[in-house]
Amino acid sequence: MYGLHLEERPNRFDMMKVTHPKQYDYIMNKLNGAHVMNKYLKCDEKCAEPDMFEGFYERKDK
């Protein structure tokens, strides 16, 4: 998570939610990454939630 506070949205974890959902779930839920991100990153809203980006990256051409 080093340097995540310097990245603009969508950041590497936003992208991982779409490209590698199993790894994202493991980091956010099993390793408690969502808690760490929300506690230490300064965000206007929650920085991470397990289902925060559900439907956000849906393809429009389907």
PDB file of N, CA and C in Angstrom:
ATOM      1  N   MET A   1       0.810  -1.188   0.000  1.00  0.00           N
ATOM      2  CA  MET A   1       0.000   0.000   0.000  1.00  0.00           C
ATOM      3  C   MET A   1       0.857   1.258   0.000  1.00  0.00           C
ATOM      4  N   TYR A   2       2.145   1.074  -0.102  1.00  0.00           N
ATOM      5  CA  TYR A   2       3.066   2.200  -0.077  1.00  0.00           C
ATOM      6  C   TYR A   2       2.763   3.154  -1.230  1.00  0.00           C
ATOM      7  N   GLY A   3       2.598   4.411  -0.937  1.00  0.00           N
ATOM      8  CA  GLY A   3       2.366   5.433  -1.945  1.00  0.00           C
ATOM      9  C   GLY A   3       0.929   5.556  -2.411  1.00  0.00           C
ATOM     10  N   LEU A   4       0.041   4.775  -1.846  1.00  0.00           N
ATOM     11  CA  LEU A   4      -1.358   4.803  -2.286  1.00  0.00           C
ATOM     12  C   LEU A   4      -1.996   6.167  -2.064  1.00  0.00           C
ATOM     13  N   HIS A   5      -1.573   6.860  -1.031  1.00  0.00           N
ATOM     14  CA  HIS A   5      -2.133   8.183  -0.736  1.00  0.00           C
ATOM     15  C   HIS A   5      -1.777   9.214  -1.804  1.00  0.00           C
ATOM     16  N   LEU A   6      -0.798   8.915  -2.640  1.00  0.00           N
ATOM     17  CA  LEU A   6      -0.385   9.834  -3.692  1.00  0.00           C
ATOM     18  C   LEU A   6      -1.094   9.572  -5.017  1.00  0.00           C
ATOM     19  N   GLU A   7      -1.777   8.453  -5.135  1.00  0.00           N
ATOM     20  CA  GLU A   7      -2.417   8.066  -6.392  1.00  0.00           C
ATOM     21  C   GLU A   7      -3.799   8.689  -6.522  1.00  0.00           C
ATOM     22  N   GLU A   8      -4.154   9.011  -7.756  1.00  0.00           N
ATOM     23  CA  GLU A   8      -5.502   9.494  -8.036  1.00  0.00           C
ATOM     24  C   GLU A   8      -6.421   8.296  -8.238  1.00  0.00           C
ATOM     25  N   ARG A   9      -7.739   8.531  -8.114  1.00  0.00           N
ATOM     26  CA  ARG A   9      -8.721   7.472  -8.330  1.00  0.00           C
ATOM     27  C   ARG A   9      -8.991   7.338  -9.810  1.00  0.00           C
ATOM     28  N   PRO A  10      -9.163   6.190 -10.363  1.00  0.00           N
ATOM     29  CA  PRO A  10      -9.053   4.887  -9.726  1.00  0.00           C
ATOM     30  C   PRO A  10      -7.590   4.529  -9.492  1.00  0.00           C
ATOM     31  N   ASN A  11      -7.304   4.054  -8.287  1.00  0.00           N
ATOM     32  CA  ASN A  11      -5.943   3.671  -7.929  1.00  0.00           C
ATOM     33  C   ASN A  11      -5.741   2.172  -8.160  1.00  0.00           C
ATOM     34  N   ARG A  12      -4.610   1.650  -7.752  1.00  0.00           N
ATOM     35  CA  ARG A  12      -4.290   0.243  -8.032  1.00  0.00           C
ATOM     36  C   ARG A  12      -5.262  -0.727  -7.370  1.00  0.00           C
ATOM     37  N   PHE A  13      -5.823  -0.362  -6.212  1.00  0.00           N
ATOM     38  CA  PHE A  13      -6.779  -1.256  -5.564  1.00  0.00           C
ATOM     39  C   PHE A  13      -8.143  -1.193  -6.243  1.00  0.00           C
ATOM     40  N   ASP A  14      -8.510  -0.027  -6.758  1.00  0.00           N
ATOM     41  CA  ASP A  14      -9.738   0.085  -7.544  1.00  0.00           C
ATOM     42  C   ASP A  14      -9.659  -0.822  -8.771  1.00  0.00           C
ATOM     43  N   MET A  15      -8.517  -0.805  -9.433  1.00  0.00           N
ATOM     44  CA  MET A  15      -8.324  -1.637 -10.626  1.00  0.00           C
ATOM     45  C   MET A  15      -8.286  -3.121 -10.273  1.00  0.00           C
ATOM     46  N   MET A  16      -7.653  -3.446  -9.144  1.00  0.00           N
ATOM     47  CA  MET A  16      -7.551  -4.847  -8.738  1.00  0.00           C
ATOM     48  C   MET A  16      -8.922  -5.443  -8.460  1.00  0.00           C
ATOM     49  N   LYS A  17      -9.855  -4.628  -7.977  1.00  0.00           N
ATOM     50  CA  LYS A  17     -11.220  -5.105  -7.718  1.00  0.00           C
ATOM     51  C   LYS A  17     -11.825  -5.708  -8.983  1.00  0.00           C
ATOM     52  N   VAL A  18     -11.492  -5.122 -10.137  1.00  0.00           N
ATOM     53  CA  VAL A  18     -12.033  -5.577 -11.413  1.00  0.00           C
ATOM     54  C   VAL A  18     -11.189  -6.694 -12.016  1.00  0.00           C
ATOM     55  N   THR A  19      -9.879  -6.504 -12.033  1.00  0.00           N
ATOM     56  CA  THR A  19      -9.013  -7.444 -12.738  1.00  0.00           C
ATOM     57  C   THR A  19      -8.667  -8.688 -11.941  1.00  0.00           C
ATOM     58  N   HIS A  20      -8.608  -8.579 -10.615  1.00  0.00           N
ATOM     59  CA  HIS A  20      -8.235  -9.704  -9.752  1.00  0.00           C
ATOM     60  C   HIS A  20      -9.144  -9.733  -8.521  1.00  0.00           C
ATOM     61  N   PRO A  21     -10.430 -10.047  -8.701  1.00  0.00           N
ATOM     62  CA  PRO A  21     -11.378  -9.952  -7.584  1.00  0.00           C
ATOM     63  C   PRO A  21     -11.065 -10.868  -6.406  1.00  0.00           C
ATOM     64  N   LYS A  22     -10.488 -12.032  -6.642  1.00  0.00           N
ATOM     65  CA  LYS A  22     -10.161 -12.939  -5.529  1.00  0.00           C
ATOM     66  C   LYS A  22      -9.046 -12.359  -4.664  1.00  0.00           C
ATOM     67  N   GLN A  23      -8.022 -11.809  -5.305  1.00  0.00           N
ATOM     68  CA  GLN A  23      -6.930 -11.197  -4.550  1.00  0.00           C
ATOM     69  C   GLN A  23      -7.425  -9.962  -3.798  1.00  0.00           C
ATOM     70  N   TYR A  24      -8.286  -9.176  -4.429  1.00  0.00           N
ATOM     71  CA  TYR A  24      -8.854  -7.995  -3.781  1.00  0.00           C
ATOM     72  C   TYR A  24      -9.649  -8.399  -2.540  1.00  0.00           C
ATOM     73  N   ASP A  25     -10.482  -9.411  -2.683  1.00  0.00           N
ATOM     74  CA  ASP A  25     -11.277  -9.896  -1.557  1.00  0.00           C
ATOM     75  C   ASP A  25     -10.375 -10.369  -0.421  1.00  0.00           C
ATOM     76  N   TYR A  26      -9.311 -11.078  -0.755  1.00  0.00           N
ATOM     77  CA  TYR A  26      -8.376 -11.572   0.256  1.00  0.00           C
ATOM     78  C   TYR A  26      -7.723 -10.405   1.005  1.00  0.00           C
ATOM     79  N   ILE A  27      -7.250  -9.415   0.268  1.00  0.00           N
ATOM     80  CA  ILE A  27      -6.579  -8.275   0.903  1.00  0.00           C
ATOM     81  C   ILE A  27      -7.544  -7.460   1.754  1.00  0.00           C
ATOM     82  N   MET A  28      -8.717  -7.157   1.218  1.00  0.00           N
ATOM     83  CA  MET A  28      -9.661  -6.297   1.929  1.00  0.00           C
ATOM     84  C   MET A  28     -10.321  -6.991   3.113  1.00  0.00           C
ATOM     85  N   ASN A  29     -10.628  -8.265   2.984  1.00  0.00           N
ATOM     86  CA  ASN A  29     -11.378  -8.961   4.032  1.00  0.00           C
ATOM     87  C   ASN A  29     -10.509  -9.816   4.947  1.00  0.00           C
ATOM     88  N   LYS A  30      -9.648 -10.632   4.392  1.00  0.00           N
ATOM     89  CA  LYS A  30      -8.839 -11.540   5.216  1.00  0.00           C
ATOM     90  C   LYS A  30      -7.661 -10.828   5.878  1.00  0.00           C
ATOM     91  N   LEU A  31      -7.020  -9.912   5.146  1.00  0.00           N
ATOM     92  CA  LEU A  31      -5.877  -9.174   5.699  1.00  0.00           C
ATOM     93  C   LEU A  31      -6.291  -7.842   6.322  1.00  0.00           C
ATOM     94  N   ASN A  32      -7.594  -7.558   6.303  1.00  0.00           N
ATOM     95  CA  ASN A  32      -8.149  -6.346   6.905  1.00  0.00           C
ATOM     96  C   ASN A  32      -7.625  -5.071   6.243  1.00  0.00           C
ATOM     97  N   GLY A  33      -7.385  -5.147   4.944  1.00  0.00           N
ATOM     98  CA  GLY A  33      -6.878  -4.004   4.195  1.00  0.00           C
ATOM     99  C   GLY A  33      -7.835  -2.830   4.156  1.00  0.00           C
ATOM    100  N   ALA A  34      -9.136  -3.108   4.128  1.00  0.00           N
ATOM    101  CA  ALA A  34     -10.121  -2.020   4.096  1.00  0.00           C
ATOM    102  C   ALA A  34     -10.022  -1.174   5.364  1.00  0.00           C
ATOM    103  N   HIS A  35      -9.850  -1.818   6.496  1.00  0.00           N
ATOM    104  CA  HIS A  35      -9.715  -1.088   7.761  1.00  0.00           C
ATOM    105  C   HIS A  35      -8.459  -0.217   7.750  1.00  0.00           C
ATOM    106  N   VAL A  36      -7.359  -0.774   7.292  1.00  0.00           N
ATOM    107  CA  VAL A  36      -6.095  -0.036   7.252  1.00  0.00           C
ATOM    108  C   VAL A  36      -6.218   1.172   6.329  1.00  0.00           C
ATOM    109  N   MET A  37      -6.791   0.962   5.144  1.00  0.00           N
ATOM    110  CA  MET A  37      -6.929   2.066   4.194  1.00  0.00           C
ATOM    111  C   MET A  37      -7.830   3.160   4.744  1.00  0.00           C
ATOM    112  N   ASN A  38      -8.931   2.790   5.354  1.00  0.00           N
ATOM    113  CA  ASN A  38      -9.862   3.787   5.882  1.00  0.00           C
ATOM    114  C   ASN A  38      -9.287   4.533   7.081  1.00  0.00           C
ATOM    115  N   LYS A  39      -8.452   3.871   7.857  1.00  0.00           N
ATOM    116  CA  LYS A  39      -7.892   4.499   9.048  1.00  0.00           C
ATOM    117  C   LYS A  39      -6.743   5.450   8.720  1.00  0.00           C
ATOM    118  N   TYR A  40      -5.874   5.055   7.793  1.00  0.00           N
ATOM    119  CA  TYR A  40      -4.645   5.814   7.575  1.00  0.00           C
ATOM    120  C   TYR A  40      -4.649   6.711   6.347  1.00  0.00           C
ATOM    121  N   LEU A  41      -5.547   6.486   5.405  1.00  0.00           N
ATOM    122  CA  LEU A  41      -5.619   7.361   4.243  1.00  0.00           C
ATOM    123  C   LEU A  41      -6.656   8.442   4.507  1.00  0.00           C
ATOM    124  N   LYS A  42      -6.368   9.627   4.098  1.00  0.00           N
ATOM    125  CA  LYS A  42      -7.300  10.739   4.281  1.00  0.00           C
ATOM    126  C   LYS A  42      -8.208  10.818   3.054  1.00  0.00           C
ATOM    127  N   CYS A  43      -9.436  10.345   3.204  1.00  0.00           N
ATOM    128  CA  CYS A  43     -10.405  10.345   2.109  1.00  0.00           C
ATOM    129  C   CYS A  43     -11.648  11.110   2.540  1.00  0.00           C
ATOM    130  N   ASP A  44     -12.326  11.701   1.574  1.00  0.00           N
ATOM    131  CA  ASP A  44     -13.586  12.384   1.869  1.00  0.00           C
ATOM    132  C   ASP A  44     -14.649  11.380   2.293  1.00  0.00           C
ATOM    133  N   GLU A  45     -14.621  10.217   1.664  1.00  0.00           N
ATOM    134  CA  GLU A  45     -15.531   9.139   2.023  1.00  0.00           C
ATOM    135  C   GLU A  45     -14.665   7.935   2.369  1.00  0.00           C
ATOM    136  N   LYS A  46     -15.259   6.809   2.622  1.00  0.00           N
ATOM    137  CA  LYS A  46     -14.464   5.619   2.904  1.00  0.00           C
ATOM    138  C   LYS A  46     -13.572   5.312   1.713  1.00  0.00           C
ATOM    139  N   CYS A  47     -12.318   5.026   1.988  1.00  0.00           N
ATOM    140  CA  CYS A  47     -11.369   4.730   0.919  1.00  0.00           C
ATOM    141  C   CYS A  47     -11.615   3.350   0.333  1.00  0.00           C
ATOM    142  N   ALA A  48     -12.045   2.424   1.161  1.00  0.00           N
ATOM    143  CA  ALA A  48     -12.226   1.057   0.675  1.00  0.00           C
ATOM    144  C   ALA A  48     -13.338   0.366   1.432  1.00  0.00           C
ATOM    145  N   GLU A  49     -14.112  -0.351   0.702  1.00  0.00           N
ATOM    146  CA  GLU A  49     -15.125  -1.246   1.242  1.00  0.00           C
ATOM    147  C   GLU A  49     -15.103  -2.476   0.357  1.00  0.00           C
ATOM    148  N   PRO A  50     -15.436  -3.621   0.878  1.00  0.00           N
ATOM    149  CA  PRO A  50     -15.399  -4.821   0.046  1.00  0.00           C
ATOM    150  C   PRO A  50     -16.222  -4.704  -1.238  1.00  0.00           C
ATOM    151  N   ASP A  51     -17.380  -4.075  -1.212  1.00  0.00           N
ATOM    152  CA  ASP A  51     -18.218  -3.974  -2.404  1.00  0.00           C
ATOM    153  C   ASP A  51     -18.351  -2.534  -2.894  1.00  0.00           C
ATOM    154  N   MET A  52     -17.356  -1.723  -2.621  1.00  0.00           N
ATOM    155  CA  MET A  52     -17.429  -0.311  -2.941  1.00  0.00           C
ATOM    156  C   MET A  52     -17.583  -0.036  -4.436  1.00  0.00           C
ATOM    157  N   PHE A  53     -16.967  -0.863  -5.270  1.00  0.00           N
ATOM    158  CA  PHE A  53     -16.963  -0.613  -6.703  1.00  0.00           C
ATOM    159  C   PHE A  53     -17.848  -1.582  -7.468  1.00  0.00           C
ATOM    160  N   GLU A  54     -18.789  -2.196  -6.787  1.00  0.00           N
ATOM    161  CA  GLU A  54     -19.704  -3.129  -7.430  1.00  0.00           C
ATOM    162  C   GLU A  54     -20.460  -2.404  -8.539  1.00  0.00           C
ATOM    163  N   GLY A  55     -20.299  -2.850  -9.765  1.00  0.00           N
ATOM    164  CA  GLY A  55     -20.977  -2.258 -10.901  1.00  0.00           C
ATOM    165  C   GLY A  55     -20.322  -1.011 -11.455  1.00  0.00           C
ATOM    166  N   PHE A  56     -19.267  -0.526 -10.822  1.00  0.00           N
ATOM    167  CA  PHE A  56     -18.623   0.705 -11.263  1.00  0.00           C
ATOM    168  C   PHE A  56     -17.929   0.543 -12.607  1.00  0.00           C
ATOM    169  N   TYR A  57     -17.324  -0.617 -12.823  1.00  0.00           N
ATOM    170  CA  TYR A  57     -16.572  -0.856 -14.044  1.00  0.00           C
ATOM    171  C   TYR A  57     -17.328  -1.751 -15.021  1.00  0.00           C
ATOM    172  N   GLU A  58     -18.637  -1.707 -14.986  1.00  0.00           N
ATOM    173  CA  GLU A  58     -19.431  -2.516 -15.906  1.00  0.00           C
ATOM    174  C   GLU A  58     -19.188  -2.037 -17.334  1.00  0.00           C
ATOM    175  N   ARG A  59     -19.087  -2.990 -18.240  1.00  0.00           N
ATOM    176  CA  ARG A  59     -18.928  -2.632 -19.647  1.00  0.00           C
ATOM    177  C   ARG A  59     -20.240  -2.093 -20.182  1.00  0.00           C
ATOM    178  N   LYS A  60     -20.169  -1.016 -20.907  1.00  0.00           N
ATOM    179  CA  LYS A  60     -21.367  -0.368 -21.438  1.00  0.00           C
ATOM    180  C   LYS A  60     -21.851  -1.016 -22.732  1.00  0.00           C
ATOM    181  N   ASP A  61     -20.967  -1.756 -23.425  1.00  0.00           N
ATOM    182  CA  ASP A  61     -21.331  -2.323 -24.725  1.00  0.00           C
ATOM    183  C   ASP A  61     -22.029  -3.673 -24.634  1.00  0.00           C
ATOM    184  N   LYS A  62     -22.322  -4.152 -23.454  1.00  0.00           N
ATOM    185  CA  LYS A  62     -22.994  -5.450 -23.313  1.00  0.00           C
ATOM    186  C   LYS A  62     -24.463  -5.320 -23.593  1.00  0.00           C
TER     187      LYS A  62
END
